[in-house]
Amino acid sequence: ALGIGGLPKGRVVEIYGPESSGKTTLTLQAIAECQKLGGTAAFIDAEHALDPIYAGKLGVNVDDLLLSQPDTGEQALEIADMLVRSGSVDILVVDSVAALTPKAEIEGEMGDQLPGLQARLMSQALRKLTGNIKRSNTLVVFINQLRMK
């Protein structure tokens, strides 16, 4: 930010923008740089949309990338917490907050009203994660979508 460049380790960063605006591409380039410097990267693909060929073209060593495609928001955030607590990951990307669907919503009926469920899940996870992120010096990047009403 002040001429030193880069993303801050030991912090949570949110990258948000409209659909197809390059958010995932930006994070994949950050992963490629991290790997180039000998770091370990993890990608939690809640959207189940990561294209390994595209990632490879951006310089990501896909064979060394820790990749998870969880079924629920809870599962994704548990994996994130476990990876952060391990202290062995330099950058962790969660793609995307919008795709972190709570288990109750997945198992519920269509049309069920579950107000605030995802927001509660995220705030609980962030309270749990924040201290561990600082201690492990891991950069955690959440990708989020802007929804137009």
N, C-alpha and C. Protein backbone atom coordinates (compact mmCIF):
# COMPACT_ATOMS: atom_id res chain seq x y z
N ALA A 1 0.82 -1.20 0.00
CA ALA A 1 0.00 0.00 0.00
C ALA A 1 0.86 1.26 0.00
N LEU A 2 1.93 1.26 0.78
CA LEU A 2 2.78 2.45 0.85
C LEU A 2 4.07 2.23 0.07
N GLY A 3 3.95 1.71 -1.13
CA GLY A 3 5.13 1.53 -1.96
C GLY A 3 5.87 0.22 -1.72
N ILE A 4 5.38 -0.60 -0.77
CA ILE A 4 6.05 -1.87 -0.52
C ILE A 4 5.39 -3.02 -1.28
N GLY A 5 4.16 -2.83 -1.69
CA GLY A 5 3.47 -3.77 -2.56
C GLY A 5 3.06 -5.06 -1.88
N GLY A 6 2.26 -5.83 -2.60
CA GLY A 6 1.87 -7.16 -2.13
C GLY A 6 0.64 -7.16 -1.25
N LEU A 7 0.32 -8.38 -0.80
CA LEU A 7 -0.82 -8.59 0.09
C LEU A 7 -0.28 -8.91 1.48
N PRO A 8 -0.97 -8.48 2.54
CA PRO A 8 -0.43 -8.65 3.89
C PRO A 8 -0.61 -10.06 4.45
N LYS A 9 0.49 -10.66 4.91
CA LYS A 9 0.40 -11.98 5.54
C LYS A 9 -0.16 -11.81 6.95
N GLY A 10 -0.81 -12.85 7.44
CA GLY A 10 -1.39 -12.80 8.77
C GLY A 10 -2.67 -11.99 8.82
N ARG A 11 -3.29 -11.78 7.66
CA ARG A 11 -4.51 -10.97 7.57
C ARG A 11 -5.55 -11.65 6.70
N VAL A 12 -6.78 -11.15 6.83
CA VAL A 12 -7.88 -11.56 5.96
C VAL A 12 -8.06 -10.46 4.93
N VAL A 13 -8.14 -10.85 3.66
CA VAL A 13 -8.37 -9.90 2.57
C VAL A 13 -9.62 -10.35 1.84
N GLU A 14 -10.49 -9.41 1.50
CA GLU A 14 -11.66 -9.73 0.69
C GLU A 14 -11.51 -9.04 -0.66
N ILE A 15 -11.66 -9.83 -1.71
CA ILE A 15 -11.65 -9.28 -3.06
C ILE A 15 -13.06 -9.45 -3.60
N TYR A 16 -13.70 -8.34 -3.92
CA TYR A 16 -15.07 -8.44 -4.39
C TYR A 16 -15.26 -7.60 -5.65
N GLY A 17 -16.25 -8.00 -6.41
CA GLY A 17 -16.57 -7.29 -7.63
C GLY A 17 -17.65 -8.03 -8.38
N PRO A 18 -18.09 -7.46 -9.50
CA PRO A 18 -19.12 -8.12 -10.29
C PRO A 18 -18.61 -9.43 -10.89
N GLU A 19 -19.55 -10.24 -11.32
CA GLU A 19 -19.24 -11.52 -11.96
C GLU A 19 -18.29 -11.31 -13.14
N SER A 20 -17.35 -12.23 -13.31
CA SER A 20 -16.40 -12.22 -14.43
C SER A 20 -15.58 -10.93 -14.51
N SER A 21 -15.16 -10.43 -13.35
CA SER A 21 -14.34 -9.21 -13.36
C SER A 21 -12.87 -9.49 -13.03
N GLY A 22 -12.49 -10.77 -12.93
CA GLY A 22 -11.08 -11.11 -12.74
C GLY A 22 -10.66 -11.41 -11.31
N LYS A 23 -11.63 -11.60 -10.41
CA LYS A 23 -11.30 -11.84 -9.00
C LYS A 23 -10.51 -13.14 -8.82
N THR A 24 -10.98 -14.21 -9.41
CA THR A 24 -10.29 -15.50 -9.29
C THR A 24 -8.94 -15.44 -9.99
N THR A 25 -8.88 -14.80 -11.14
CA THR A 25 -7.62 -14.66 -11.87
C THR A 25 -6.58 -13.95 -11.01
N LEU A 26 -7.00 -12.88 -10.34
CA LEU A 26 -6.09 -12.14 -9.46
C LEU A 26 -5.54 -13.04 -8.36
N THR A 27 -6.43 -13.84 -7.74
CA THR A 27 -5.96 -14.71 -6.65
C THR A 27 -5.07 -15.83 -7.17
N LEU A 28 -5.35 -16.33 -8.37
CA LEU A 28 -4.50 -17.38 -8.95
C LEU A 28 -3.11 -16.82 -9.26
N GLN A 29 -3.04 -15.56 -9.67
CA GLN A 29 -1.74 -14.94 -9.91
C GLN A 29 -0.97 -14.77 -8.60
N ALA A 30 -1.69 -14.44 -7.52
CA ALA A 30 -1.05 -14.33 -6.20
C ALA A 30 -0.54 -15.70 -5.75
N ILE A 31 -1.31 -16.75 -6.02
CA ILE A 31 -0.88 -18.12 -5.69
C ILE A 31 0.38 -18.48 -6.48
N ALA A 32 0.39 -18.15 -7.77
CA ALA A 32 1.55 -18.45 -8.62
C ALA A 32 2.80 -17.76 -8.07
N GLU A 33 2.67 -16.49 -7.66
CA GLU A 33 3.80 -15.75 -7.09
C GLU A 33 4.27 -16.39 -5.80
N CYS A 34 3.32 -16.77 -4.96
CA CYS A 34 3.65 -17.42 -3.68
C CYS A 34 4.44 -18.71 -3.93
N GLN A 35 3.94 -19.52 -4.88
CA GLN A 35 4.62 -20.78 -5.20
C GLN A 35 6.01 -20.52 -5.77
N LYS A 36 6.13 -19.49 -6.60
CA LYS A 36 7.42 -19.14 -7.20
C LYS A 36 8.46 -18.82 -6.12
N LEU A 37 7.98 -18.26 -5.01
CA LEU A 37 8.87 -17.90 -3.90
C LEU A 37 9.04 -19.05 -2.90
N GLY A 38 8.53 -20.25 -3.28
CA GLY A 38 8.70 -21.43 -2.43
C GLY A 38 7.61 -21.62 -1.39
N GLY A 39 6.53 -20.85 -1.50
CA GLY A 39 5.44 -20.95 -0.53
C GLY A 39 4.44 -22.04 -0.87
N THR A 40 3.59 -22.34 0.10
CA THR A 40 2.54 -23.34 -0.07
C THR A 40 1.20 -22.63 -0.18
N ALA A 41 0.39 -23.04 -1.16
CA ALA A 41 -0.89 -22.40 -1.42
C ALA A 41 -2.03 -23.40 -1.35
N ALA A 42 -3.18 -22.92 -0.89
CA ALA A 42 -4.39 -23.74 -0.84
C ALA A 42 -5.54 -22.95 -1.45
N PHE A 43 -6.44 -23.68 -2.10
CA PHE A 43 -7.58 -23.06 -2.78
C PHE A 43 -8.83 -23.85 -2.40
N ILE A 44 -9.76 -23.20 -1.72
CA ILE A 44 -11.03 -23.84 -1.38
C ILE A 44 -12.05 -23.39 -2.42
N ASP A 45 -12.42 -24.32 -3.28
CA ASP A 45 -13.26 -24.03 -4.44
C ASP A 45 -14.72 -24.35 -4.13
N ALA A 46 -15.37 -23.46 -3.38
CA ALA A 46 -16.77 -23.68 -3.02
C ALA A 46 -17.68 -23.58 -4.24
N GLU A 47 -17.21 -22.90 -5.27
CA GLU A 47 -18.00 -22.75 -6.50
C GLU A 47 -17.88 -23.97 -7.41
N HIS A 48 -16.92 -24.85 -7.13
CA HIS A 48 -16.63 -26.02 -7.97
C HIS A 48 -16.42 -25.59 -9.41
N ALA A 49 -15.62 -24.53 -9.59
CA ALA A 49 -15.46 -23.95 -10.93
C ALA A 49 -14.00 -23.71 -11.32
N LEU A 50 -13.05 -24.16 -10.49
CA LEU A 50 -11.65 -23.91 -10.81
C LEU A 50 -11.24 -24.70 -12.05
N ASP A 51 -10.64 -24.01 -13.00
CA ASP A 51 -10.14 -24.64 -14.22
C ASP A 51 -8.63 -24.83 -14.07
N PRO A 52 -8.18 -26.07 -13.84
CA PRO A 52 -6.75 -26.31 -13.61
C PRO A 52 -5.88 -25.93 -14.81
N ILE A 53 -6.40 -26.05 -16.01
CA ILE A 53 -5.62 -25.70 -17.20
C ILE A 53 -5.38 -24.19 -17.22
N TYR A 54 -6.43 -23.42 -16.95
CA TYR A 54 -6.30 -21.96 -16.89
C TYR A 54 -5.35 -21.55 -15.77
N ALA A 55 -5.50 -22.18 -14.60
CA ALA A 55 -4.62 -21.88 -13.46
C ALA A 55 -3.16 -22.14 -13.84
N GLY A 56 -2.93 -23.25 -14.54
CA GLY A 56 -1.57 -23.59 -14.98
C GLY A 56 -1.01 -22.54 -15.93
N LYS A 57 -1.86 -22.04 -16.82
CA LYS A 57 -1.41 -21.01 -17.77
C LYS A 57 -1.04 -19.71 -17.06
N LEU A 58 -1.64 -19.49 -15.88
CA LEU A 58 -1.32 -18.29 -15.10
C LEU A 58 -0.06 -18.48 -14.25
N GLY A 59 0.51 -19.70 -14.31
CA GLY A 59 1.74 -19.95 -13.57
C GLY A 59 1.57 -20.74 -12.29
N VAL A 60 0.35 -21.18 -12.01
CA VAL A 60 0.10 -21.98 -10.80
C VAL A 60 0.61 -23.40 -11.03
N ASN A 61 1.39 -23.91 -10.08
CA ASN A 61 1.79 -25.31 -10.12
C ASN A 61 0.63 -26.10 -9.51
N VAL A 62 -0.25 -26.59 -10.38
CA VAL A 62 -1.49 -27.23 -9.94
C VAL A 62 -1.21 -28.49 -9.13
N ASP A 63 -0.12 -29.19 -9.45
CA ASP A 63 0.22 -30.42 -8.71
C ASP A 63 0.55 -30.12 -7.25
N ASP A 64 1.09 -28.94 -6.98
CA ASP A 64 1.46 -28.57 -5.60
C ASP A 64 0.37 -27.77 -4.89
N LEU A 65 -0.70 -27.43 -5.61
CA LEU A 65 -1.78 -26.64 -5.02
C LEU A 65 -2.67 -27.55 -4.17
N LEU A 66 -2.89 -27.17 -2.92
CA LEU A 66 -3.83 -27.91 -2.07
C LEU A 66 -5.22 -27.45 -2.46
N LEU A 67 -6.01 -28.35 -3.03
CA LEU A 67 -7.32 -27.99 -3.56
C LEU A 67 -8.42 -28.77 -2.84
N SER A 68 -9.46 -28.06 -2.44
CA SER A 68 -10.60 -28.69 -1.80
C SER A 68 -11.87 -28.18 -2.46
N GLN A 69 -12.82 -29.08 -2.68
CA GLN A 69 -14.12 -28.69 -3.23
C GLN A 69 -15.21 -29.18 -2.27
N PRO A 70 -15.44 -28.43 -1.20
CA PRO A 70 -16.37 -28.86 -0.15
C PRO A 70 -17.83 -28.79 -0.60
N ASP A 71 -18.67 -29.55 0.13
CA ASP A 71 -20.10 -29.61 -0.20
C ASP A 71 -20.92 -28.55 0.52
N THR A 72 -20.46 -28.10 1.69
CA THR A 72 -21.22 -27.12 2.47
C THR A 72 -20.32 -25.98 2.92
N GLY A 73 -20.95 -24.89 3.32
CA GLY A 73 -20.20 -23.75 3.84
C GLY A 73 -19.44 -24.12 5.10
N GLU A 74 -20.09 -24.90 5.99
CA GLU A 74 -19.43 -25.32 7.23
C GLU A 74 -18.18 -26.13 6.93
N GLN A 75 -18.30 -27.05 5.97
CA GLN A 75 -17.16 -27.89 5.58
C GLN A 75 -16.01 -27.03 5.05
N ALA A 76 -16.33 -26.06 4.22
CA ALA A 76 -15.31 -25.17 3.64
C ALA A 76 -14.58 -24.40 4.73
N LEU A 77 -15.32 -23.86 5.68
CA LEU A 77 -14.72 -23.04 6.73
C LEU A 77 -13.95 -23.89 7.74
N GLU A 78 -14.39 -25.14 7.97
CA GLU A 78 -13.62 -26.06 8.83
C GLU A 78 -12.28 -26.38 8.18
N ILE A 79 -12.31 -26.64 6.88
CA ILE A 79 -11.07 -26.93 6.14
C ILE A 79 -10.15 -25.71 6.21
N ALA A 80 -10.71 -24.53 6.02
CA ALA A 80 -9.92 -23.29 6.10
C ALA A 80 -9.27 -23.18 7.47
N ASP A 81 -10.04 -23.42 8.53
CA ASP A 81 -9.51 -23.32 9.89
C ASP A 81 -8.40 -24.34 10.12
N MET A 82 -8.61 -25.56 9.65
CA MET A 82 -7.61 -26.62 9.82
C MET A 82 -6.31 -26.26 9.09
N LEU A 83 -6.43 -25.76 7.87
CA LEU A 83 -5.24 -25.38 7.09
C LEU A 83 -4.49 -24.23 7.76
N VAL A 84 -5.23 -23.25 8.26
CA VAL A 84 -4.60 -22.11 8.93
C VAL A 84 -3.90 -22.57 10.20
N ARG A 85 -4.60 -23.39 11.02
CA ARG A 85 -4.00 -23.86 12.28
C ARG A 85 -2.77 -24.71 12.05
N SER A 86 -2.69 -25.40 10.91
CA SER A 86 -1.52 -26.25 10.62
C SER A 86 -0.25 -25.41 10.50
N GLY A 87 -0.42 -24.14 10.13
CA GLY A 87 0.73 -23.25 9.99
C GLY A 87 1.60 -23.56 8.79
N SER A 88 1.13 -24.45 7.92
CA SER A 88 1.97 -24.87 6.78
C SER A 88 1.54 -24.24 5.46
N VAL A 89 0.55 -23.35 5.50
CA VAL A 89 0.05 -22.72 4.27
C VAL A 89 0.37 -21.23 4.32
N ASP A 90 0.90 -20.71 3.23
CA ASP A 90 1.24 -19.28 3.16
C ASP A 90 0.07 -18.44 2.66
N ILE A 91 -0.67 -18.99 1.69
CA ILE A 91 -1.85 -18.28 1.16
C ILE A 91 -2.99 -19.28 1.01
N LEU A 92 -4.18 -18.85 1.44
CA LEU A 92 -5.38 -19.66 1.34
C LEU A 92 -6.45 -18.80 0.68
N VAL A 93 -7.01 -19.29 -0.42
CA VAL A 93 -8.06 -18.57 -1.13
C VAL A 93 -9.37 -19.32 -0.97
N VAL A 94 -10.44 -18.61 -0.63
CA VAL A 94 -11.78 -19.20 -0.55
C VAL A 94 -12.62 -18.56 -1.65
N ASP A 95 -13.01 -19.36 -2.63
CA ASP A 95 -13.77 -18.91 -3.80
C ASP A 95 -15.14 -19.60 -3.81
N SER A 96 -16.15 -19.01 -3.43
CA SER A 96 -16.37 -17.64 -3.01
C SER A 96 -17.28 -17.64 -1.80
N VAL A 97 -17.37 -16.51 -1.13
CA VAL A 97 -18.25 -16.36 0.02
C VAL A 97 -19.70 -16.64 -0.40
N ALA A 98 -20.08 -16.17 -1.57
CA ALA A 98 -21.45 -16.36 -2.06
C ALA A 98 -21.80 -17.84 -2.22
N ALA A 99 -20.80 -18.69 -2.45
CA ALA A 99 -21.04 -20.12 -2.65
C ALA A 99 -20.95 -20.93 -1.36
N LEU A 100 -20.68 -20.28 -0.23
CA LEU A 100 -20.60 -20.99 1.05
C LEU A 100 -22.01 -21.21 1.59
N THR A 101 -22.68 -22.21 1.06
CA THR A 101 -24.07 -22.48 1.42
C THR A 101 -24.13 -23.29 2.71
N PRO A 102 -24.85 -22.79 3.72
CA PRO A 102 -24.97 -23.54 4.98
C PRO A 102 -25.65 -24.89 4.77
N LYS A 103 -25.23 -25.87 5.57
CA LYS A 103 -25.76 -27.24 5.46
C LYS A 103 -27.28 -27.25 5.61
N ALA A 104 -27.82 -26.47 6.55
CA ALA A 104 -29.27 -26.43 6.78
C ALA A 104 -30.02 -25.99 5.53
N GLU A 105 -29.41 -25.09 4.76
CA GLU A 105 -30.04 -24.61 3.53
C GLU A 105 -30.01 -25.70 2.45
N ILE A 106 -28.89 -26.43 2.38
CA ILE A 106 -28.77 -27.50 1.39
C ILE A 106 -29.75 -28.62 1.69
N GLU A 107 -29.90 -28.95 2.98
CA GLU A 107 -30.76 -30.06 3.37
C GLU A 107 -32.23 -29.67 3.49
N GLY A 108 -32.51 -28.35 3.50
CA GLY A 108 -33.89 -27.88 3.65
C GLY A 108 -34.68 -28.01 2.36
N GLU A 109 -35.94 -27.65 2.47
CA GLU A 109 -36.84 -27.69 1.31
C GLU A 109 -36.67 -26.41 0.49
N MET A 110 -36.98 -26.51 -0.80
CA MET A 110 -36.97 -25.32 -1.64
C MET A 110 -37.97 -24.32 -1.07
N GLY A 111 -37.57 -23.06 -1.01
CA GLY A 111 -38.47 -22.03 -0.51
C GLY A 111 -38.43 -21.83 0.99
N ASP A 112 -37.68 -22.68 1.73
CA ASP A 112 -37.54 -22.48 3.18
C ASP A 112 -36.91 -21.12 3.45
N GLN A 113 -37.43 -20.42 4.43
CA GLN A 113 -36.87 -19.12 4.81
C GLN A 113 -35.87 -19.32 5.94
N LEU A 114 -34.60 -19.08 5.67
CA LEU A 114 -33.56 -19.22 6.68
C LEU A 114 -32.76 -17.92 6.73
N PRO A 115 -33.39 -16.85 7.24
CA PRO A 115 -32.75 -15.54 7.20
C PRO A 115 -31.46 -15.47 8.02
N GLY A 116 -30.45 -14.88 7.42
CA GLY A 116 -29.21 -14.62 8.14
C GLY A 116 -28.32 -15.81 8.42
N LEU A 117 -28.68 -16.97 7.90
CA LEU A 117 -27.92 -18.19 8.21
C LEU A 117 -26.48 -18.09 7.70
N GLN A 118 -26.31 -17.65 6.47
CA GLN A 118 -24.96 -17.55 5.91
C GLN A 118 -24.15 -16.47 6.61
N ALA A 119 -24.80 -15.36 6.95
CA ALA A 119 -24.11 -14.27 7.65
C ALA A 119 -23.62 -14.74 9.02
N ARG A 120 -24.46 -15.51 9.74
CA ARG A 120 -24.06 -16.04 11.04
C ARG A 120 -22.89 -17.01 10.90
N LEU A 121 -22.95 -17.85 9.87
CA LEU A 121 -21.88 -18.81 9.61
C LEU A 121 -20.56 -18.09 9.37
N MET A 122 -20.58 -17.05 8.55
CA MET A 122 -19.37 -16.29 8.24
C MET A 122 -18.83 -15.56 9.46
N SER A 123 -19.70 -14.92 10.23
CA SER A 123 -19.18 -14.16 11.37
C SER A 123 -18.62 -15.08 12.44
N GLN A 124 -19.23 -16.25 12.63
CA GLN A 124 -18.70 -17.23 13.59
C GLN A 124 -17.34 -17.72 13.10
N ALA A 125 -17.25 -18.04 11.83
CA ALA A 125 -15.99 -18.56 11.27
C ALA A 125 -14.88 -17.52 11.36
N LEU A 126 -15.20 -16.27 11.06
CA LEU A 126 -14.18 -15.22 11.12
C LEU A 126 -13.69 -14.97 12.54
N ARG A 127 -14.61 -15.06 13.52
CA ARG A 127 -14.18 -14.92 14.93
C ARG A 127 -13.19 -16.03 15.28
N LYS A 128 -13.50 -17.23 14.81
CA LYS A 128 -12.66 -18.40 15.09
C LYS A 128 -11.32 -18.32 14.34
N LEU A 129 -11.37 -17.88 13.10
CA LEU A 129 -10.18 -17.87 12.24
C LEU A 129 -9.18 -16.74 12.53
N THR A 130 -9.68 -15.57 12.90
CA THR A 130 -8.83 -14.38 12.94
C THR A 130 -7.57 -14.53 13.78
N GLY A 131 -7.70 -15.03 15.00
CA GLY A 131 -6.53 -15.22 15.87
C GLY A 131 -5.54 -16.20 15.29
N ASN A 132 -6.07 -17.30 14.75
CA ASN A 132 -5.20 -18.33 14.16
C ASN A 132 -4.46 -17.81 12.93
N ILE A 133 -5.13 -16.97 12.15
CA ILE A 133 -4.52 -16.39 10.95
C ILE A 133 -3.33 -15.52 11.35
N LYS A 134 -3.51 -14.72 12.38
CA LYS A 134 -2.44 -13.85 12.87
C LYS A 134 -1.26 -14.70 13.37
N ARG A 135 -1.57 -15.72 14.19
CA ARG A 135 -0.51 -16.58 14.76
C ARG A 135 0.27 -17.33 13.70
N SER A 136 -0.44 -17.84 12.68
CA SER A 136 0.23 -18.67 11.66
C SER A 136 0.84 -17.82 10.54
N ASN A 137 0.51 -16.51 10.53
CA ASN A 137 1.01 -15.60 9.49
C ASN A 137 0.56 -16.02 8.09
N THR A 138 -0.65 -16.56 8.01
CA THR A 138 -1.23 -17.00 6.74
C THR A 138 -2.03 -15.85 6.12
N LEU A 139 -1.92 -15.69 4.82
CA LEU A 139 -2.78 -14.75 4.10
C LEU A 139 -4.03 -15.51 3.68
N VAL A 140 -5.20 -15.06 4.13
CA VAL A 140 -6.46 -15.70 3.75
C VAL A 140 -7.24 -14.71 2.89
N VAL A 141 -7.56 -15.13 1.67
CA VAL A 141 -8.28 -14.27 0.73
C VAL A 141 -9.66 -14.85 0.48
N PHE A 142 -10.68 -14.07 0.79
CA PHE A 142 -12.05 -14.45 0.48
C PHE A 142 -12.46 -13.70 -0.78
N ILE A 143 -12.99 -14.44 -1.75
CA ILE A 143 -13.54 -13.83 -2.96
C ILE A 143 -15.04 -13.69 -2.74
N ASN A 144 -15.59 -12.54 -3.10
CA ASN A 144 -17.02 -12.32 -2.93
C ASN A 144 -17.59 -11.68 -4.18
N GLN A 145 -18.84 -11.98 -4.46
CA GLN A 145 -19.51 -11.46 -5.65
C GLN A 145 -20.39 -10.27 -5.27
N LEU A 146 -20.38 -9.25 -6.08
CA LEU A 146 -21.35 -8.18 -5.92
C LEU A 146 -22.61 -8.61 -6.65
N ARG A 147 -23.72 -8.59 -5.96
CA ARG A 147 -25.00 -8.95 -6.57
C ARG A 147 -25.75 -7.68 -6.91
N MET A 148 -26.17 -7.57 -8.14
CA MET A 148 -26.94 -6.39 -8.55
C MET A 148 -28.42 -6.69 -8.35
N LYS A 149 -29.12 -5.76 -7.69
CA LYS A 149 -30.56 -5.97 -7.42
C LYS A 149 -31.40 -5.36 -8.51
